[in-house]
Amino acid sequence: MAVFDSTTNQRTACPVTRVQQMVAGKWKIILLWHLTHGTHRFHELQQLTGISKGTLTRQLRELEADGLIQRHVFGEVPPRVEYSLTDAGHSFLPILDQMAAWSEQHFQGE
């Protein structure tokens, strides 16, 4: 639900809308789910999900910009990059768990 602010003529998003914008994107919730199981490299995330390189790069950058994941670059040749959840990302885990429980409850056997 958005609230119209007549003093600035801008829409101010409600808390649910802000979260929805952070996790919007076909792959973001799936990426967060995979990162709940630990740190992963780019190639691992691509293999787990089947996402194209460009889409994976974009989704990871957006999750990083929103503070849900962190990117760690190792000074090696060839470069090694790992992704993991931040504290904010870890605090999102109960929501992911509830989503999984809801899915299991309503879509058993599908």
PDB file of N, CA and C in Angstrom:
ATOM      1  N   MET A   1       0.856  -1.166   0.000  1.00  0.00           N
ATOM      2  CA  MET A   1       0.000   0.000   0.000  1.00  0.00           C
ATOM      3  C   MET A   1       0.903   1.229   0.000  1.00  0.00           C
ATOM      4  N   ALA A   2       0.649   2.141  -0.897  1.00  0.00           N
ATOM      5  CA  ALA A   2       1.438   3.363  -0.969  1.00  0.00           C
ATOM      6  C   ALA A   2       0.611   4.517  -0.429  1.00  0.00           C
ATOM      7  N   VAL A   3       1.297   5.439   0.174  1.00  0.00           N
ATOM      8  CA  VAL A   3       0.649   6.622   0.736  1.00  0.00           C
ATOM      9  C   VAL A   3       1.053   7.810  -0.109  1.00  0.00           C
ATOM     10  N   PHE A   4       0.078   8.604  -0.515  1.00  0.00           N
ATOM     11  CA  PHE A   4       0.380   9.783  -1.317  1.00  0.00           C
ATOM     12  C   PHE A   4       0.702  10.943  -0.391  1.00  0.00           C
ATOM     13  N   ASP A   5       1.868  11.520  -0.567  1.00  0.00           N
ATOM     14  CA  ASP A   5       2.307  12.660   0.236  1.00  0.00           C
ATOM     15  C   ASP A   5       2.035  13.930  -0.568  1.00  0.00           C
ATOM     16  N   SER A   6       0.992  14.659  -0.203  1.00  0.00           N
ATOM     17  CA  SER A   6       0.576  15.827  -0.974  1.00  0.00           C
ATOM     18  C   SER A   6       1.572  16.978  -0.891  1.00  0.00           C
ATOM     19  N   THR A   7       2.422  16.996   0.132  1.00  0.00           N
ATOM     20  CA  THR A   7       3.376  18.110   0.251  1.00  0.00           C
ATOM     21  C   THR A   7       4.518  17.978  -0.742  1.00  0.00           C
ATOM     22  N   THR A   8       4.845  16.759  -1.133  1.00  0.00           N
ATOM     23  CA  THR A   8       5.950  16.577  -2.074  1.00  0.00           C
ATOM     24  C   THR A   8       5.495  15.988  -3.399  1.00  0.00           C
ATOM     25  N   ASN A   9       4.206  15.633  -3.492  1.00  0.00           N
ATOM     26  CA  ASN A   9       3.666  14.997  -4.691  1.00  0.00           C
ATOM     27  C   ASN A   9       4.431  13.737  -5.061  1.00  0.00           C
ATOM     28  N   GLN A  10       4.901  13.009  -4.068  1.00  0.00           N
ATOM     29  CA  GLN A  10       5.592  11.754  -4.293  1.00  0.00           C
ATOM     30  C   GLN A  10       4.890  10.659  -3.515  1.00  0.00           C
ATOM     31  N   ARG A  11       5.005   9.453  -4.048  1.00  0.00           N
ATOM     32  CA  ARG A  11       4.428   8.302  -3.357  1.00  0.00           C
ATOM     33  C   ARG A  11       5.486   7.767  -2.383  1.00  0.00           C
ATOM     34  N   THR A  12       5.053   7.540  -1.153  1.00  0.00           N
ATOM     35  CA  THR A  12       5.932   6.982  -0.141  1.00  0.00           C
ATOM     36  C   THR A  12       5.517   5.532   0.072  1.00  0.00           C
ATOM     37  N   ALA A  13       6.424   4.627  -0.150  1.00  0.00           N
ATOM     38  CA  ALA A  13       6.105   3.207  -0.080  1.00  0.00           C
ATOM     39  C   ALA A  13       5.932   2.743   1.356  1.00  0.00           C
ATOM     40  N   CYS A  14       4.994   1.833   1.544  1.00  0.00           N
ATOM     41  CA  CYS A  14       4.823   1.224   2.859  1.00  0.00           C
ATOM     42  C   CYS A  14       5.950   0.218   3.077  1.00  0.00           C
ATOM     43  N   PRO A  15       6.118  -0.294   4.300  1.00  0.00           N
ATOM     44  CA  PRO A  15       7.205  -1.240   4.581  1.00  0.00           C
ATOM     45  C   PRO A  15       7.167  -2.497   3.706  1.00  0.00           C
ATOM     46  N   VAL A  16       5.984  -3.009   3.418  1.00  0.00           N
ATOM     47  CA  VAL A  16       5.886  -4.215   2.590  1.00  0.00           C
ATOM     48  C   VAL A  16       6.358  -3.915   1.170  1.00  0.00           C
ATOM     49  N   THR A  17       6.002  -2.753   0.655  1.00  0.00           N
ATOM     50  CA  THR A  17       6.424  -2.367  -0.691  1.00  0.00           C
ATOM     51  C   THR A  17       7.936  -2.243  -0.766  1.00  0.00           C
ATOM     52  N   ARG A  18       8.553  -1.671   0.272  1.00  0.00           N
ATOM     53  CA  ARG A  18      10.022  -1.542   0.279  1.00  0.00           C
ATOM     54  C   ARG A  18      10.681  -2.917   0.224  1.00  0.00           C
ATOM     55  N   VAL A  19      10.177  -3.871   0.997  1.00  0.00           N
ATOM     56  CA  VAL A  19      10.755  -5.220   0.983  1.00  0.00           C
ATOM     57  C   VAL A  19      10.514  -5.873  -0.370  1.00  0.00           C
ATOM     58  N   GLN A  20       9.315  -5.711  -0.896  1.00  0.00           N
ATOM     59  CA  GLN A  20       8.994  -6.294  -2.196  1.00  0.00           C
ATOM     60  C   GLN A  20       9.948  -5.763  -3.261  1.00  0.00           C
ATOM     61  N   GLN A  21      10.261  -4.485  -3.218  1.00  0.00           N
ATOM     62  CA  GLN A  21      11.190  -3.905  -4.183  1.00  0.00           C
ATOM     63  C   GLN A  21      12.593  -4.481  -4.014  1.00  0.00           C
ATOM     64  N   MET A  22      12.993  -4.790  -2.792  1.00  0.00           N
ATOM     65  CA  MET A  22      14.321  -5.349  -2.544  1.00  0.00           C
ATOM     66  C   MET A  22      14.446  -6.768  -3.090  1.00  0.00           C
ATOM     67  N   VAL A  23      13.385  -7.551  -2.985  1.00  0.00           N
ATOM     68  CA  VAL A  23      13.467  -8.949  -3.404  1.00  0.00           C
ATOM     69  C   VAL A  23      12.767  -9.197  -4.733  1.00  0.00           C
ATOM     70  N   ALA A  24      12.310  -8.109  -5.377  1.00  0.00           N
ATOM     71  CA  ALA A  24      11.691  -8.257  -6.693  1.00  0.00           C
ATOM     72  C   ALA A  24      12.740  -8.756  -7.676  1.00  0.00           C
ATOM     73  N   GLY A  25      12.299  -9.505  -8.587  1.00  0.00           N
ATOM     74  CA  GLY A  25      13.212 -10.111  -9.545  1.00  0.00           C
ATOM     75  C   GLY A  25      13.043 -11.613  -9.446  1.00  0.00           C
ATOM     76  N   LYS A  26      13.024 -12.246 -10.575  1.00  0.00           N
ATOM     77  CA  LYS A  26      12.711 -13.667 -10.638  1.00  0.00           C
ATOM     78  C   LYS A  26      13.609 -14.530  -9.758  1.00  0.00           C
ATOM     79  N   TRP A  27      14.851 -14.117  -9.546  1.00  0.00           N
ATOM     80  CA  TRP A  27      15.832 -14.995  -8.906  1.00  0.00           C
ATOM     81  C   TRP A  27      16.273 -14.582  -7.512  1.00  0.00           C
ATOM     82  N   LYS A  28      15.942 -13.407  -7.046  1.00  0.00           N
ATOM     83  CA  LYS A  28      16.514 -12.915  -5.793  1.00  0.00           C
ATOM     84  C   LYS A  28      16.180 -13.791  -4.588  1.00  0.00           C
ATOM     85  N   ILE A  29      14.940 -14.178  -4.439  1.00  0.00           N
ATOM     86  CA  ILE A  29      14.574 -15.008  -3.292  1.00  0.00           C
ATOM     87  C   ILE A  29      15.263 -16.368  -3.386  1.00  0.00           C
ATOM     88  N   ILE A  30      15.369 -16.906  -4.592  1.00  0.00           N
ATOM     89  CA  ILE A  30      16.046 -18.192  -4.784  1.00  0.00           C
ATOM     90  C   ILE A  30      17.525 -18.067  -4.443  1.00  0.00           C
ATOM     91  N   LEU A  31      18.154 -16.963  -4.850  1.00  0.00           N
ATOM     92  CA  LEU A  31      19.560 -16.742  -4.509  1.00  0.00           C
ATOM     93  C   LEU A  31      19.739 -16.631  -2.998  1.00  0.00           C
ATOM     94  N   LEU A  32      18.864 -15.874  -2.353  1.00  0.00           N
ATOM     95  CA  LEU A  32      18.938 -15.762  -0.887  1.00  0.00           C
ATOM     96  C   LEU A  32      18.785 -17.132  -0.239  1.00  0.00           C
ATOM     97  N   TRP A  33      17.866 -17.932  -0.748  1.00  0.00           N
ATOM     98  CA  TRP A  33      17.639 -19.271  -0.198  1.00  0.00           C
ATOM     99  C   TRP A  33      18.908 -20.121  -0.295  1.00  0.00           C
ATOM    100  N   HIS A  34      19.563 -20.085  -1.449  1.00  0.00           N
ATOM    101  CA  HIS A  34      20.803 -20.860  -1.615  1.00  0.00           C
ATOM    102  C   HIS A  34      21.898 -20.345  -0.693  1.00  0.00           C
ATOM    103  N   LEU A  35      21.944 -19.043  -0.473  1.00  0.00           N
ATOM    104  CA  LEU A  35      22.978 -18.481   0.396  1.00  0.00           C
ATOM    105  C   LEU A  35      22.707 -18.742   1.869  1.00  0.00           C
ATOM    106  N   THR A  36      21.498 -19.194   2.220  1.00  0.00           N
ATOM    107  CA  THR A  36      21.239 -19.569   3.613  1.00  0.00           C
ATOM    108  C   THR A  36      22.059 -20.786   3.996  1.00  0.00           C
ATOM    109  N   HIS A  37      22.476 -21.549   3.009  1.00  0.00           N
ATOM    110  CA  HIS A  37      23.245 -22.770   3.264  1.00  0.00           C
ATOM    111  C   HIS A  37      24.747 -22.530   3.260  1.00  0.00           C
ATOM    112  N   GLY A  38      25.148 -21.270   3.144  1.00  0.00           N
ATOM    113  CA  GLY A  38      26.564 -20.943   3.213  1.00  0.00           C
ATOM    114  C   GLY A  38      27.029 -20.113   2.031  1.00  0.00           C
ATOM    115  N   THR A  39      28.299 -19.810   2.052  1.00  0.00           N
ATOM    116  CA  THR A  39      28.946 -18.996   1.032  1.00  0.00           C
ATOM    117  C   THR A  39      29.023 -19.764  -0.283  1.00  0.00           C
ATOM    118  N   HIS A  40      28.797 -19.051  -1.377  1.00  0.00           N
ATOM    119  CA  HIS A  40      28.891 -19.662  -2.702  1.00  0.00           C
ATOM    120  C   HIS A  40      29.649 -18.749  -3.646  1.00  0.00           C
ATOM    121  N   ARG A  41      30.318 -19.378  -4.595  1.00  0.00           N
ATOM    122  CA  ARG A  41      30.974 -18.636  -5.658  1.00  0.00           C
ATOM    123  C   ARG A  41      29.974 -18.397  -6.782  1.00  0.00           C
ATOM    124  N   PHE A  42      30.298 -17.451  -7.648  1.00  0.00           N
ATOM    125  CA  PHE A  42      29.418 -17.066  -8.750  1.00  0.00           C
ATOM    126  C   PHE A  42      29.014 -18.296  -9.569  1.00  0.00           C
ATOM    127  N   HIS A  43      29.996 -19.072  -9.979  1.00  0.00           N
ATOM    128  CA  HIS A  43      29.744 -20.240 -10.826  1.00  0.00           C
ATOM    129  C   HIS A  43      28.839 -21.254 -10.119  1.00  0.00           C
ATOM    130  N   GLU A  44      29.039 -21.431  -8.823  1.00  0.00           N
ATOM    131  CA  GLU A  44      28.175 -22.346  -8.065  1.00  0.00           C
ATOM    132  C   GLU A  44      26.723 -21.880  -8.091  1.00  0.00           C
ATOM    133  N   LEU A  45      26.516 -20.585  -7.864  1.00  0.00           N
ATOM    134  CA  LEU A  45      25.152 -20.042  -7.890  1.00  0.00           C
ATOM    135  C   LEU A  45      24.535 -20.184  -9.271  1.00  0.00           C
ATOM    136  N   GLN A  46      25.342 -20.021 -10.295  1.00  0.00           N
ATOM    137  CA  GLN A  46      24.829 -20.170 -11.647  1.00  0.00           C
ATOM    138  C   GLN A  46      24.429 -21.620 -11.910  1.00  0.00           C
ATOM    139  N   GLN A  47      25.226 -22.567 -11.441  1.00  0.00           N
ATOM    140  CA  GLN A  47      24.892 -23.979 -11.631  1.00  0.00           C
ATOM    141  C   GLN A  47      23.658 -24.386 -10.828  1.00  0.00           C
ATOM    142  N   LEU A  48      23.537 -23.869  -9.608  1.00  0.00           N
ATOM    143  CA  LEU A  48      22.397 -24.220  -8.759  1.00  0.00           C
ATOM    144  C   LEU A  48      21.077 -23.715  -9.318  1.00  0.00           C
ATOM    145  N   THR A  49      21.120 -22.594 -10.019  1.00  0.00           N
ATOM    146  CA  THR A  49      19.882 -21.942 -10.439  1.00  0.00           C
ATOM    147  C   THR A  49      19.620 -21.990 -11.938  1.00  0.00           C
ATOM    148  N   GLY A  50      20.662 -22.080 -12.734  1.00  0.00           N
ATOM    149  CA  GLY A  50      20.494 -22.044 -14.178  1.00  0.00           C
ATOM    150  C   GLY A  50      20.285 -20.646 -14.728  1.00  0.00           C
ATOM    151  N   ILE A  51      20.639 -19.627 -13.967  1.00  0.00           N
ATOM    152  CA  ILE A  51      20.482 -18.235 -14.382  1.00  0.00           C
ATOM    153  C   ILE A  51      21.578 -17.883 -15.385  1.00  0.00           C
ATOM    154  N   SER A  52      21.253 -17.024 -16.341  1.00  0.00           N
ATOM    155  CA  SER A  52      22.282 -16.541 -17.260  1.00  0.00           C
ATOM    156  C   SER A  52      23.281 -15.680 -16.481  1.00  0.00           C
ATOM    157  N   LYS A  53      24.496 -15.558 -17.009  1.00  0.00           N
ATOM    158  CA  LYS A  53      25.532 -14.774 -16.328  1.00  0.00           C
ATOM    159  C   LYS A  53      25.103 -13.328 -16.113  1.00  0.00           C
ATOM    160  N   GLY A  54      24.520 -12.718 -17.142  1.00  0.00           N
ATOM    161  CA  GLY A  54      24.117 -11.317 -17.038  1.00  0.00           C
ATOM    162  C   GLY A  54      23.044 -11.099 -15.985  1.00  0.00           C
ATOM    163  N   THR A  55      22.035 -11.967 -15.985  1.00  0.00           N
ATOM    164  CA  THR A  55      20.957 -11.845 -15.004  1.00  0.00           C
ATOM    165  C   THR A  55      21.478 -12.106 -13.602  1.00  0.00           C
ATOM    166  N   LEU A  56      22.323 -13.117 -13.444  1.00  0.00           N
ATOM    167  CA  LEU A  56      22.885 -13.423 -12.128  1.00  0.00           C
ATOM    168  C   LEU A  56      23.712 -12.241 -11.625  1.00  0.00           C
ATOM    169  N   THR A  57      24.533 -11.678 -12.469  1.00  0.00           N
ATOM    170  CA  THR A  57      25.346 -10.519 -12.087  1.00  0.00           C
ATOM    171  C   THR A  57      24.458  -9.374 -11.615  1.00  0.00           C
ATOM    172  N   ARG A  58      23.413  -9.082 -12.374  1.00  0.00           N
ATOM    173  CA  ARG A  58      22.503  -7.980 -12.045  1.00  0.00           C
ATOM    174  C   ARG A  58      21.775  -8.231 -10.723  1.00  0.00           C
ATOM    175  N   GLN A  59      21.264  -9.438 -10.537  1.00  0.00           N
ATOM    176  CA  GLN A  59      20.522  -9.754  -9.318  1.00  0.00           C
ATOM    177  C   GLN A  59      21.439  -9.707  -8.088  1.00  0.00           C
ATOM    178  N   LEU A  60      22.666 -10.224  -8.232  1.00  0.00           N
ATOM    179  CA  LEU A  60      23.616 -10.192  -7.116  1.00  0.00           C
ATOM    180  C   LEU A  60      24.007  -8.754  -6.770  1.00  0.00           C
ATOM    181  N   ARG A  61      24.226  -7.939  -7.771  1.00  0.00           N
ATOM    182  CA  ARG A  61      24.577  -6.529  -7.517  1.00  0.00           C
ATOM    183  C   ARG A  61      23.459  -5.800  -6.785  1.00  0.00           C
ATOM    184  N   GLU A  62      22.212  -6.077  -7.180  1.00  0.00           N
ATOM    185  CA  GLU A  62      21.081  -5.427  -6.525  1.00  0.00           C
ATOM    186  C   GLU A  62      20.937  -5.909  -5.080  1.00  0.00           C
ATOM    187  N   LEU A  63      21.111  -7.191  -4.847  1.00  0.00           N
ATOM    188  CA  LEU A  63      21.042  -7.713  -3.473  1.00  0.00           C
ATOM    189  C   LEU A  63      22.164  -7.122  -2.618  1.00  0.00           C
ATOM    190  N   GLU A  64      23.336  -6.955  -3.215  1.00  0.00           N
ATOM    191  CA  GLU A  64      24.458  -6.346  -2.499  1.00  0.00           C
ATOM    192  C   GLU A  64      24.168  -4.874  -2.203  1.00  0.00           C
ATOM    193  N   ALA A  65      23.645  -4.160  -3.180  1.00  0.00           N
ATOM    194  CA  ALA A  65      23.329  -2.738  -2.989  1.00  0.00           C
ATOM    195  C   ALA A  65      22.274  -2.547  -1.903  1.00  0.00           C
ATOM    196  N   ASP A  66      21.368  -3.501  -1.770  1.00  0.00           N
ATOM    197  CA  ASP A  66      20.320  -3.427  -0.746  1.00  0.00           C
ATOM    198  C   ASP A  66      20.795  -3.958   0.606  1.00  0.00           C
ATOM    199  N   GLY A  67      22.045  -4.415   0.672  1.00  0.00           N
ATOM    200  CA  GLY A  67      22.624  -4.832   1.946  1.00  0.00           C
ATOM    201  C   GLY A  67      22.233  -6.223   2.408  1.00  0.00           C
ATOM    202  N   LEU A  68      21.701  -7.058   1.508  1.00  0.00           N
ATOM    203  CA  LEU A  68      21.297  -8.409   1.916  1.00  0.00           C
ATOM    204  C   LEU A  68      22.408  -9.433   1.744  1.00  0.00           C
ATOM    205  N   ILE A  69      23.322  -9.175   0.806  1.00  0.00           N
ATOM    206  CA  ILE A  69      24.462 -10.072   0.612  1.00  0.00           C
ATOM    207  C   ILE A  69      25.737  -9.250   0.560  1.00  0.00           C
ATOM    208  N   GLN A  70      26.845  -9.947   0.763  1.00  0.00           N
ATOM    209  CA  GLN A  70      28.151  -9.302   0.615  1.00  0.00           C
ATOM    210  C   GLN A  70      28.978 -10.087  -0.390  1.00  0.00           C
ATOM    211  N   ARG A  71      29.822  -9.352  -1.070  1.00  0.00           N
ATOM    212  CA  ARG A  71      30.689  -9.909  -2.112  1.00  0.00           C
ATOM    213  C   ARG A  71      32.122  -9.795  -1.604  1.00  0.00           C
ATOM    214  N   HIS A  72      32.818 -10.905  -1.590  1.00  0.00           N
ATOM    215  CA  HIS A  72      34.204 -10.903  -1.135  1.00  0.00           C
ATOM    216  C   HIS A  72      35.092 -11.320  -2.305  1.00  0.00           C
ATOM    217  N   VAL A  73      36.003 -10.412  -2.696  1.00  0.00           N
ATOM    218  CA  VAL A  73      36.920 -10.675  -3.800  1.00  0.00           C
ATOM    219  C   VAL A  73      38.274 -11.032  -3.212  1.00  0.00           C
ATOM    220  N   PHE A  74      38.795 -12.186  -3.603  1.00  0.00           N
ATOM    221  CA  PHE A  74      40.104 -12.624  -3.154  1.00  0.00           C
ATOM    222  C   PHE A  74      41.149 -12.172  -4.166  1.00  0.00           C
ATOM    223  N   GLY A  75      42.281 -11.688  -3.675  1.00  0.00           N
ATOM    224  CA  GLY A  75      43.348 -11.204  -4.544  1.00  0.00           C
ATOM    225  C   GLY A  75      44.163 -12.345  -5.104  1.00  0.00           C
ATOM    226  N   GLU A  76      43.540 -13.145  -5.942  1.00  0.00           N
ATOM    227  CA  GLU A  76      44.195 -14.303  -6.544  1.00  0.00           C
ATOM    228  C   GLU A  76      44.089 -14.202  -8.056  1.00  0.00           C
ATOM    229  N   VAL A  77      44.903 -14.995  -8.717  1.00  0.00           N
ATOM    230  CA  VAL A  77      44.804 -15.114 -10.164  1.00  0.00           C
ATOM    231  C   VAL A  77      44.542 -16.576 -10.463  1.00  0.00           C
ATOM    232  N   PRO A  78      43.448 -16.908 -11.114  1.00  0.00           N
ATOM    233  CA  PRO A  78      42.350 -16.023 -11.505  1.00  0.00           C
ATOM    234  C   PRO A  78      41.573 -15.545 -10.274  1.00  0.00           C
ATOM    235  N   PRO A  79      40.868 -14.420 -10.418  1.00  0.00           N
ATOM    236  CA  PRO A  79      40.140 -13.865  -9.272  1.00  0.00           C
ATOM    237  C   PRO A  79      39.080 -14.839  -8.762  1.00  0.00           C
ATOM    238  N   ARG A  80      38.930 -14.869  -7.464  1.00  0.00           N
ATOM    239  CA  ARG A  80      37.897 -15.693  -6.835  1.00  0.00           C
ATOM    240  C   ARG A  80      36.967 -14.749  -6.087  1.00  0.00           C
ATOM    241  N   VAL A  81      35.670 -14.901  -6.332  1.00  0.00           N
ATOM    242  CA  VAL A  81      34.657 -14.062  -5.704  1.00  0.00           C
ATOM    243  C   VAL A  81      33.656 -14.963  -5.008  1.00  0.00           C
ATOM    244  N   GLU A  82      33.353 -14.644  -3.762  1.00  0.00           N
ATOM    245  CA  GLU A  82      32.376 -15.410  -2.996  1.00  0.00           C
ATOM    246  C   GLU A  82      31.268 -14.485  -2.501  1.00  0.00           C
ATOM    247  N   TYR A  83      30.082 -15.037  -2.411  1.00  0.00           N
ATOM    248  CA  TYR A  83      28.910 -14.302  -1.942  1.00  0.00           C
ATOM    249  C   TYR A  83      28.369 -14.966  -0.693  1.00  0.00           C
ATOM    250  N   SER A  84      27.957 -14.146   0.259  1.00  0.00           N
ATOM    251  CA  SER A  84      27.365 -14.659   1.489  1.00  0.00           C
ATOM    252  C   SER A  84      26.347 -13.651   2.003  1.00  0.00           C
ATOM    253  N   LEU A  85      25.537 -14.095   2.938  1.00  0.00           N
ATOM    254  CA  LEU A  85      24.533 -13.214   3.523  1.00  0.00           C
ATOM    255  C   LEU A  85      25.171 -12.240   4.504  1.00  0.00           C
ATOM    256  N   THR A  86      24.657 -11.042   4.555  1.00  0.00           N
ATOM    257  CA  THR A  86      25.042 -10.067   5.577  1.00  0.00           C
ATOM    258  C   THR A  86      24.165 -10.321   6.807  1.00  0.00           C
ATOM    259  N   ASP A  87      24.362  -9.541   7.846  1.00  0.00           N
ATOM    260  CA  ASP A  87      23.479  -9.648   9.017  1.00  0.00           C
ATOM    261  C   ASP A  87      22.031  -9.381   8.624  1.00  0.00           C
ATOM    262  N   ALA A  88      21.824  -8.391   7.754  1.00  0.00           N
ATOM    263  CA  ALA A  88      20.463  -8.102   7.284  1.00  0.00           C
ATOM    264  C   ALA A  88      19.910  -9.290   6.501  1.00  0.00           C
ATOM    265  N   GLY A  89      20.747  -9.911   5.690  1.00  0.00           N
ATOM    266  CA  GLY A  89      20.329 -11.104   4.951  1.00  0.00           C
ATOM    267  C   GLY A  89      19.961 -12.248   5.877  1.00  0.00           C
ATOM    268  N   HIS A  90      20.769 -12.436   6.923  1.00  0.00           N
ATOM    269  CA  HIS A  90      20.460 -13.486   7.908  1.00  0.00           C
ATOM    270  C   HIS A  90      19.152 -13.186   8.635  1.00  0.00           C
ATOM    271  N   SER A  91      18.880 -11.920   8.873  1.00  0.00           N
ATOM    272  CA  SER A  91      17.637 -11.570   9.570  1.00  0.00           C
ATOM    273  C   SER A  91      16.405 -11.824   8.694  1.00  0.00           C
ATOM    274  N   PHE A  92      16.614 -12.006   7.393  1.00  0.00           N
ATOM    275  CA  PHE A  92      15.527 -12.315   6.464  1.00  0.00           C
ATOM    276  C   PHE A  92      15.193 -13.811   6.455  1.00  0.00           C
ATOM    277  N   LEU A  93      16.048 -14.639   7.058  1.00  0.00           N
ATOM    278  CA  LEU A  93      15.854 -16.096   7.046  1.00  0.00           C
ATOM    279  C   LEU A  93      14.505 -16.542   7.611  1.00  0.00           C
ATOM    280  N   PRO A  94      14.025 -15.988   8.713  1.00  0.00           N
ATOM    281  CA  PRO A  94      12.711 -16.428   9.198  1.00  0.00           C
ATOM    282  C   PRO A  94      11.595 -16.207   8.178  1.00  0.00           C
ATOM    283  N   ILE A  95      11.719 -15.169   7.370  1.00  0.00           N
ATOM    284  CA  ILE A  95      10.711 -14.913   6.328  1.00  0.00           C
ATOM    285  C   ILE A  95      10.808 -15.990   5.258  1.00  0.00           C
ATOM    286  N   LEU A  96      12.021 -16.337   4.843  1.00  0.00           N
ATOM    287  CA  LEU A  96      12.193 -17.406   3.864  1.00  0.00           C
ATOM    288  C   LEU A  96      11.675 -18.730   4.416  1.00  0.00           C
ATOM    289  N   ASP A  97      11.949 -18.997   5.691  1.00  0.00           N
ATOM    290  CA  ASP A  97      11.449 -20.227   6.319  1.00  0.00           C
ATOM    291  C   ASP A  97       9.925 -20.261   6.322  1.00  0.00           C
ATOM    292  N   GLN A  98       9.300 -19.131   6.610  1.00  0.00           N
ATOM    293  CA  GLN A  98       7.837 -19.058   6.602  1.00  0.00           C
ATOM    294  C   GLN A  98       7.289 -19.253   5.184  1.00  0.00           C
ATOM    295  N   MET A  99       7.976 -18.713   4.197  1.00  0.00           N
ATOM    296  CA  MET A  99       7.546 -18.912   2.815  1.00  0.00           C
ATOM    297  C   MET A  99       7.620 -20.393   2.445  1.00  0.00           C
ATOM    298  N   ALA A 100       8.697 -21.058   2.858  1.00  0.00           N
ATOM    299  CA  ALA A 100       8.844 -22.488   2.576  1.00  0.00           C
ATOM    300  C   ALA A 100       7.757 -23.294   3.281  1.00  0.00           C
ATOM    301  N   ALA A 101       7.485 -22.966   4.542  1.00  0.00           N
ATOM    302  CA  ALA A 101       6.449 -23.679   5.299  1.00  0.00           C
ATOM    303  C   ALA A 101       5.077 -23.470   4.667  1.00  0.00           C
ATOM    304  N   TRP A 102       4.791 -22.248   4.244  1.00  0.00           N
ATOM    305  CA  TRP A 102       3.512 -21.957   3.605  1.00  0.00           C
ATOM    306  C   TRP A 102       3.370 -22.758   2.307  1.00  0.00           C
ATOM    307  N   SER A 103       4.439 -22.811   1.527  1.00  0.00           N
ATOM    308  CA  SER A 103       4.426 -23.555   0.273  1.00  0.00           C
ATOM    309  C   SER A 103       4.180 -25.038   0.528  1.00  0.00           C
ATOM    310  N   GLU A 104       4.873 -25.586   1.506  1.00  0.00           N
ATOM    311  CA  GLU A 104       4.693 -27.005   1.828  1.00  0.00           C
ATOM    312  C   GLU A 104       3.273 -27.284   2.306  1.00  0.00           C
ATOM    313  N   GLN A 105       2.703 -26.377   3.068  1.00  0.00           N
ATOM    314  CA  GLN A 105       1.363 -26.559   3.579  1.00  0.00           C
ATOM    315  C   GLN A 105       0.309 -26.507   2.474  1.00  0.00           C
ATOM    316  N   HIS A 106       0.477 -25.611   1.534  1.00  0.00           N
ATOM    317  CA  HIS A 106      -0.552 -25.388   0.515  1.00  0.00           C
ATOM    318  C   HIS A 106      -0.318 -26.091  -0.806  1.00  0.00           C
ATOM    319  N   PHE A 107       0.879 -26.590  -1.022  1.00  0.00           N
ATOM    320  CA  PHE A 107       1.167 -27.199  -2.320  1.00  0.00           C
ATOM    321  C   PHE A 107       1.812 -28.563  -2.184  1.00  0.00           C
ATOM    322  N   GLN A 108       1.426 -29.320  -1.171  1.00  0.00           N
ATOM    323  CA  GLN A 108       1.967 -30.665  -0.989  1.00  0.00           C
ATOM    324  C   GLN A 108       1.593 -31.540  -2.179  1.00  0.00           C
ATOM    325  N   GLY A 109       2.559 -32.312  -2.625  1.00  0.00           N
ATOM    326  CA  GLY A 109       2.303 -33.255  -3.693  1.00  0.00           C
ATOM    327  C   GLY A 109       2.305 -32.679  -5.095  1.00  0.00           C
ATOM    328  N   GLU A 110       2.557 -31.405  -5.247  1.00  0.00           N
ATOM    329  CA  GLU A 110       2.598 -30.819  -6.606  1.00  0.00           C
ATOM    330  C   GLU A 110       3.994 -30.828  -7.138  1.00  0.00           C
TER     331      GLU A 110
END
